[in-house]
Amino acid sequence: VTVNSPAAQAGLQKGDMLTSINNTPINSAADLRNRIALSVPKTQVILEYYRNGIKTTKSVTLGTL
């Protein structure tokens, strides 16, 4: 998670393991990049991730690339 990035501003932290975006599984870093690149900036998406073994779901607004 890059400092001041949309992910950081959404509260994501280093070590968080993203598992899905809008209920679509994320299987790799490349898969994550592709899903974000294909998404419309400034729209909300639902992220599912694990932090310290605890599953969390959060709505975030995508930034621009």
PDB file of N, CA and C in Angstrom:
ATOM      1  N   VAL A   1       0.860  -1.175   0.000  1.00  0.00           N
ATOM      2  CA  VAL A   1       0.000   0.000   0.000  1.00  0.00           C
ATOM      3  C   VAL A   1       0.899   1.227   0.000  1.00  0.00           C
ATOM      4  N   THR A   2       0.760   2.060  -1.013  1.00  0.00           N
ATOM      5  CA  THR A   2       1.573   3.259  -1.167  1.00  0.00           C
ATOM      6  C   THR A   2       1.001   4.395  -0.322  1.00  0.00           C
ATOM      7  N   VAL A   3       1.895   5.163   0.312  1.00  0.00           N
ATOM      8  CA  VAL A   3       1.483   6.304   1.126  1.00  0.00           C
ATOM      9  C   VAL A   3       0.650   7.268   0.282  1.00  0.00           C
ATOM     10  N   ASN A   4      -0.440   7.760   0.836  1.00  0.00           N
ATOM     11  CA  ASN A   4      -1.358   8.717   0.203  1.00  0.00           C
ATOM     12  C   ASN A   4      -2.100   8.169  -1.019  1.00  0.00           C
ATOM     13  N   SER A   5      -2.002   6.875  -1.262  1.00  0.00           N
ATOM     14  CA  SER A   5      -2.735   6.276  -2.381  1.00  0.00           C
ATOM     15  C   SER A   5      -4.203   6.111  -1.993  1.00  0.00           C
ATOM     16  N   PRO A   6      -5.073   5.898  -2.983  1.00  0.00           N
ATOM     17  CA  PRO A   6      -6.473   5.631  -2.642  1.00  0.00           C
ATOM     18  C   PRO A   6      -6.624   4.439  -1.689  1.00  0.00           C
ATOM     19  N   ALA A   7      -5.778   3.421  -1.869  1.00  0.00           N
ATOM     20  CA  ALA A   7      -5.842   2.261  -0.970  1.00  0.00           C
ATOM     21  C   ALA A   7      -5.517   2.667   0.464  1.00  0.00           C
ATOM     22  N   ALA A   8      -4.471   3.473   0.638  1.00  0.00           N
ATOM     23  CA  ALA A   8      -4.106   3.950   1.977  1.00  0.00           C
ATOM     24  C   ALA A   8      -5.198   4.841   2.548  1.00  0.00           C
ATOM     25  N   GLN A   9      -5.745   5.707   1.728  1.00  0.00           N
ATOM     26  CA  GLN A   9      -6.811   6.598   2.185  1.00  0.00           C
ATOM     27  C   GLN A   9      -8.065   5.813   2.562  1.00  0.00           C
ATOM     28  N   ALA A  10      -8.251   4.639   1.965  1.00  0.00           N
ATOM     29  CA  ALA A  10      -9.391   3.785   2.295  1.00  0.00           C
ATOM     30  C   ALA A  10      -9.150   2.985   3.570  1.00  0.00           C
ATOM     31  N   GLY A  11      -7.922   3.060   4.088  1.00  0.00           N
ATOM     32  CA  GLY A  11      -7.617   2.360   5.325  1.00  0.00           C
ATOM     33  C   GLY A  11      -6.915   1.033   5.151  1.00  0.00           C
ATOM     34  N   LEU A  12      -6.577   0.667   3.910  1.00  0.00           N
ATOM     35  CA  LEU A  12      -5.836  -0.570   3.704  1.00  0.00           C
ATOM     36  C   LEU A  12      -4.413  -0.398   4.206  1.00  0.00           C
ATOM     37  N   GLN A  13      -3.839  -1.489   4.692  1.00  0.00           N
ATOM     38  CA  GLN A  13      -2.507  -1.448   5.271  1.00  0.00           C
ATOM     39  C   GLN A  13      -1.614  -2.498   4.632  1.00  0.00           C
ATOM     40  N   LYS A  14      -0.303  -2.273   4.756  1.00  0.00           N
ATOM     41  CA  LYS A  14       0.667  -3.258   4.288  1.00  0.00           C
ATOM     42  C   LYS A  14       0.360  -4.580   4.985  1.00  0.00           C
ATOM     43  N   GLY A  15       0.328  -5.649   4.213  1.00  0.00           N
ATOM     44  CA  GLY A  15       0.047  -6.963   4.767  1.00  0.00           C
ATOM     45  C   GLY A  15      -1.398  -7.406   4.614  1.00  0.00           C
ATOM     46  N   ASP A  16      -2.305  -6.463   4.307  1.00  0.00           N
ATOM     47  CA  ASP A  16      -3.692  -6.852   4.057  1.00  0.00           C
ATOM     48  C   ASP A  16      -3.719  -7.733   2.810  1.00  0.00           C
ATOM     49  N   MET A  17      -4.493  -8.803   2.856  1.00  0.00           N
ATOM     50  CA  MET A  17      -4.583  -9.715   1.720  1.00  0.00           C
ATOM     51  C   MET A  17      -5.947  -9.556   1.061  1.00  0.00           C
ATOM     52  N   LEU A  18      -5.958  -8.890  -0.097  1.00  0.00           N
ATOM     53  CA  LEU A  18      -7.211  -8.708  -0.840  1.00  0.00           C
ATOM     54  C   LEU A  18      -7.638 -10.036  -1.445  1.00  0.00           C
ATOM     55  N   THR A  19      -8.914 -10.368  -1.273  1.00  0.00           N
ATOM     56  CA  THR A  19      -9.422 -11.626  -1.813  1.00  0.00           C
ATOM     57  C   THR A  19     -10.479 -11.429  -2.890  1.00  0.00           C
ATOM     58  N   SER A  20     -11.145 -10.253  -2.907  1.00  0.00           N
ATOM     59  CA  SER A  20     -12.120 -10.015  -3.973  1.00  0.00           C
ATOM     60  C   SER A  20     -12.428  -8.536  -4.128  1.00  0.00           C
ATOM     61  N   ILE A  21     -12.870  -8.186  -5.332  1.00  0.00           N
ATOM     62  CA  ILE A  21     -13.397  -6.856  -5.644  1.00  0.00           C
ATOM     63  C   ILE A  21     -14.785  -7.086  -6.227  1.00  0.00           C
ATOM     64  N   ASN A  22     -15.786  -6.475  -5.611  1.00  0.00           N
ATOM     65  CA  ASN A  22     -17.182  -6.662  -6.048  1.00  0.00           C
ATOM     66  C   ASN A  22     -17.536  -8.140  -6.207  1.00  0.00           C
ATOM     67  N   ASN A  23     -17.113  -8.929  -5.227  1.00  0.00           N
ATOM     68  CA  ASN A  23     -17.392 -10.371  -5.172  1.00  0.00           C
ATOM     69  C   ASN A  23     -16.721 -11.178  -6.275  1.00  0.00           C
ATOM     70  N   THR A  24     -15.761 -10.582  -6.983  1.00  0.00           N
ATOM     71  CA  THR A  24     -14.978 -11.305  -7.982  1.00  0.00           C
ATOM     72  C   THR A  24     -13.625 -11.631  -7.365  1.00  0.00           C
ATOM     73  N   PRO A  25     -13.261 -12.920  -7.292  1.00  0.00           N
ATOM     74  CA  PRO A  25     -12.010 -13.302  -6.633  1.00  0.00           C
ATOM     75  C   PRO A  25     -10.773 -12.663  -7.263  1.00  0.00           C
ATOM     76  N   ILE A  26      -9.824 -12.330  -6.408  1.00  0.00           N
ATOM     77  CA  ILE A  26      -8.508 -11.834  -6.814  1.00  0.00           C
ATOM     78  C   ILE A  26      -7.517 -12.951  -6.504  1.00  0.00           C
ATOM     79  N   ASN A  27      -6.825 -13.440  -7.530  1.00  0.00           N
ATOM     80  CA  ASN A  27      -5.932 -14.579  -7.348  1.00  0.00           C
ATOM     81  C   ASN A  27      -4.457 -14.225  -7.400  1.00  0.00           C
ATOM     82  N   SER A  28      -4.133 -12.995  -7.808  1.00  0.00           N
ATOM     83  CA  SER A  28      -2.729 -12.598  -7.905  1.00  0.00           C
ATOM     84  C   SER A  28      -2.639 -11.079  -7.956  1.00  0.00           C
ATOM     85  N   ALA A  29      -1.423 -10.559  -7.802  1.00  0.00           N
ATOM     86  CA  ALA A  29      -1.215  -9.109  -7.905  1.00  0.00           C
ATOM     87  C   ALA A  29      -1.569  -8.625  -9.311  1.00  0.00           C
ATOM     88  N   ALA A  30      -1.243  -9.421 -10.325  1.00  0.00           N
ATOM     89  CA  ALA A  30      -1.571  -9.046 -11.708  1.00  0.00           C
ATOM     90  C   ALA A  30      -3.086  -8.999 -11.899  1.00  0.00           C
ATOM     91  N   ASP A  31      -3.785  -9.938 -11.309  1.00  0.00           N
ATOM     92  CA  ASP A  31      -5.247  -9.961 -11.381  1.00  0.00           C
ATOM     93  C   ASP A  31      -5.820  -8.702 -10.733  1.00  0.00           C
ATOM     94  N   LEU A  32      -5.278  -8.309  -9.596  1.00  0.00           N
ATOM     95  CA  LEU A  32      -5.721  -7.088  -8.914  1.00  0.00           C
ATOM     96  C   LEU A  32      -5.500  -5.864  -9.797  1.00  0.00           C
ATOM     97  N   ARG A  33      -4.302  -5.724 -10.357  1.00  0.00           N
ATOM     98  CA  ARG A  33      -3.998  -4.583 -11.234  1.00  0.00           C
ATOM     99  C   ARG A  33      -4.959  -4.532 -12.416  1.00  0.00           C
ATOM    100  N   ASN A  34      -5.217  -5.678 -13.029  1.00  0.00           N
ATOM    101  CA  ASN A  34      -6.125  -5.726 -14.183  1.00  0.00           C
ATOM    102  C   ASN A  34      -7.539  -5.316 -13.797  1.00  0.00           C
ATOM    103  N   ARG A  35      -8.031  -5.802 -12.686  1.00  0.00           N
ATOM    104  CA  ARG A  35      -9.397  -5.474 -12.255  1.00  0.00           C
ATOM    105  C   ARG A  35      -9.525  -3.980 -11.953  1.00  0.00           C
ATOM    106  N   ILE A  36      -8.497  -3.405 -11.320  1.00  0.00           N
ATOM    107  CA  ILE A  36      -8.522  -1.969 -11.017  1.00  0.00           C
ATOM    108  C   ILE A  36      -8.441  -1.172 -12.314  1.00  0.00           C
ATOM    109  N   ALA A  37      -7.557  -1.583 -13.232  1.00  0.00           N
ATOM    110  CA  ALA A  37      -7.388  -0.860 -14.495  1.00  0.00           C
ATOM    111  C   ALA A  37      -8.669  -0.873 -15.331  1.00  0.00           C
ATOM    112  N   LEU A  38      -9.451  -1.929 -15.228  1.00  0.00           N
ATOM    113  CA  LEU A  38     -10.687  -2.037 -16.004  1.00  0.00           C
ATOM    114  C   LEU A  38     -11.877  -1.363 -15.323  1.00  0.00           C
ATOM    115  N   SER A  39     -11.675  -0.887 -14.109  1.00  0.00           N
ATOM    116  CA  SER A  39     -12.757  -0.239 -13.362  1.00  0.00           C
ATOM    117  C   SER A  39     -12.801   1.252 -13.667  1.00  0.00           C
ATOM    118  N   VAL A  40     -13.961   1.830 -13.514  1.00  0.00           N
ATOM    119  CA  VAL A  40     -14.153   3.260 -13.774  1.00  0.00           C
ATOM    120  C   VAL A  40     -13.684   4.058 -12.560  1.00  0.00           C
ATOM    121  N   PRO A  41     -12.760   5.034 -12.759  1.00  0.00           N
ATOM    122  CA  PRO A  41     -12.313   5.867 -11.638  1.00  0.00           C
ATOM    123  C   PRO A  41     -13.488   6.584 -10.974  1.00  0.00           C
ATOM    124  N   LYS A  42     -13.339   6.820  -9.699  1.00  0.00           N
ATOM    125  CA  LYS A  42     -14.314   7.548  -8.869  1.00  0.00           C
ATOM    126  C   LYS A  42     -15.600   6.765  -8.615  1.00  0.00           C
ATOM    127  N   THR A  43     -15.603   5.460  -8.935  1.00  0.00           N
ATOM    128  CA  THR A  43     -16.754   4.626  -8.595  1.00  0.00           C
ATOM    129  C   THR A  43     -16.449   3.849  -7.320  1.00  0.00           C
ATOM    130  N   GLN A  44     -17.486   3.410  -6.648  1.00  0.00           N
ATOM    131  CA  GLN A  44     -17.296   2.632  -5.435  1.00  0.00           C
ATOM    132  C   GLN A  44     -17.245   1.153  -5.771  1.00  0.00           C
ATOM    133  N   VAL A  45     -16.353   0.458  -5.070  1.00  0.00           N
ATOM    134  CA  VAL A  45     -16.253  -0.992  -5.185  1.00  0.00           C
ATOM    135  C   VAL A  45     -16.246  -1.570  -3.775  1.00  0.00           C
ATOM    136  N   ILE A  46     -16.606  -2.829  -3.680  1.00  0.00           N
ATOM    137  CA  ILE A  46     -16.576  -3.536  -2.409  1.00  0.00           C
ATOM    138  C   ILE A  46     -15.324  -4.407  -2.398  1.00  0.00           C
ATOM    139  N   LEU A  47     -14.442  -4.152  -1.431  1.00  0.00           N
ATOM    140  CA  LEU A  47     -13.236  -4.951  -1.265  1.00  0.00           C
ATOM    141  C   LEU A  47     -13.441  -5.932  -0.123  1.00  0.00           C
ATOM    142  N   GLU A  48     -12.971  -7.133  -0.323  1.00  0.00           N
ATOM    143  CA  GLU A  48     -12.938  -8.115   0.751  1.00  0.00           C
ATOM    144  C   GLU A  48     -11.472  -8.445   0.975  1.00  0.00           C
ATOM    145  N   TYR A  49     -11.044  -8.408   2.226  1.00  0.00           N
ATOM    146  CA  TYR A  49      -9.644  -8.668   2.528  1.00  0.00           C
ATOM    147  C   TYR A  49      -9.495  -9.252   3.924  1.00  0.00           C
ATOM    148  N   TYR A  50      -8.320  -9.825   4.166  1.00  0.00           N
ATOM    149  CA  TYR A  50      -7.985 -10.351   5.478  1.00  0.00           C
ATOM    150  C   TYR A  50      -6.880  -9.492   6.078  1.00  0.00           C
ATOM    151  N   ARG A  51      -7.052  -9.161   7.346  1.00  0.00           N
ATOM    152  CA  ARG A  51      -6.020  -8.460   8.112  1.00  0.00           C
ATOM    153  C   ARG A  51      -5.863  -9.219   9.425  1.00  0.00           C
ATOM    154  N   ASN A  52      -4.652  -9.699   9.651  1.00  0.00           N
ATOM    155  CA  ASN A  52      -4.375 -10.471  10.869  1.00  0.00           C
ATOM    156  C   ASN A  52      -5.359 -11.626  11.037  1.00  0.00           C
ATOM    157  N   GLY A  53      -5.712 -12.267   9.915  1.00  0.00           N
ATOM    158  CA  GLY A  53      -6.588 -13.422   9.948  1.00  0.00           C
ATOM    159  C   GLY A  53      -8.068 -13.114  10.071  1.00  0.00           C
ATOM    160  N   ILE A  54      -8.422 -11.836  10.104  1.00  0.00           N
ATOM    161  CA  ILE A  54      -9.824 -11.440  10.242  1.00  0.00           C
ATOM    162  C   ILE A  54     -10.339 -10.929   8.900  1.00  0.00           C
ATOM    163  N   LYS A  55     -11.438 -11.531   8.437  1.00  0.00           N
ATOM    164  CA  LYS A  55     -12.041 -11.140   7.159  1.00  0.00           C
ATOM    165  C   LYS A  55     -12.787  -9.822   7.329  1.00  0.00           C
ATOM    166  N   THR A  56     -12.553  -8.894   6.398  1.00  0.00           N
ATOM    167  CA  THR A  56     -13.183  -7.578   6.440  1.00  0.00           C
ATOM    168  C   THR A  56     -13.720  -7.233   5.058  1.00  0.00           C
ATOM    169  N   THR A  57     -14.851  -6.566   5.019  1.00  0.00           N
ATOM    170  CA  THR A  57     -15.431  -6.066   3.773  1.00  0.00           C
ATOM    171  C   THR A  57     -15.574  -4.562   3.898  1.00  0.00           C
ATOM    172  N   LYS A  58     -15.147  -3.842   2.858  1.00  0.00           N
ATOM    173  CA  LYS A  58     -15.167  -2.381   2.909  1.00  0.00           C
ATOM    174  C   LYS A  58     -15.519  -1.813   1.545  1.00  0.00           C
ATOM    175  N   SER A  59     -16.320  -0.760   1.541  1.00  0.00           N
ATOM    176  CA  SER A  59     -16.643  -0.035   0.320  1.00  0.00           C
ATOM    177  C   SER A  59     -15.638   1.102   0.165  1.00  0.00           C
ATOM    178  N   VAL A  60     -15.007   1.180  -1.000  1.00  0.00           N
ATOM    179  CA  VAL A  60     -14.023   2.233  -1.257  1.00  0.00           C
ATOM    180  C   VAL A  60     -14.291   2.873  -2.614  1.00  0.00           C
ATOM    181  N   THR A  61     -13.861   4.116  -2.764  1.00  0.00           N
ATOM    182  CA  THR A  61     -13.967   4.827  -4.033  1.00  0.00           C
ATOM    183  C   THR A  61     -12.633   4.733  -4.750  1.00  0.00           C
ATOM    184  N   LEU A  62     -12.664   4.273  -5.986  1.00  0.00           N
ATOM    185  CA  LEU A  62     -11.434   4.135  -6.763  1.00  0.00           C
ATOM    186  C   LEU A  62     -10.888   5.501  -7.152  1.00  0.00           C
ATOM    187  N   GLY A  63      -9.574   5.609  -7.145  1.00  0.00           N
ATOM    188  CA  GLY A  63      -8.916   6.823  -7.603  1.00  0.00           C
ATOM    189  C   GLY A  63      -8.608   6.716  -9.088  1.00  0.00           C
ATOM    190  N   THR A  64      -7.899   7.696  -9.601  1.00  0.00           N
ATOM    191  CA  THR A  64      -7.479   7.677 -11.002  1.00  0.00           C
ATOM    192  C   THR A  64      -6.060   7.164 -11.085  1.00  0.00           C
ATOM    193  N   LEU A  65      -5.715   6.590 -12.226  1.00  0.00           N
ATOM    194  CA  LEU A  65      -4.353   6.079 -12.430  1.00  0.00           C
ATOM    195  C   LEU A  65      -3.441   7.163 -12.916  1.00  0.00           C
TER     196      LEU A  65
END
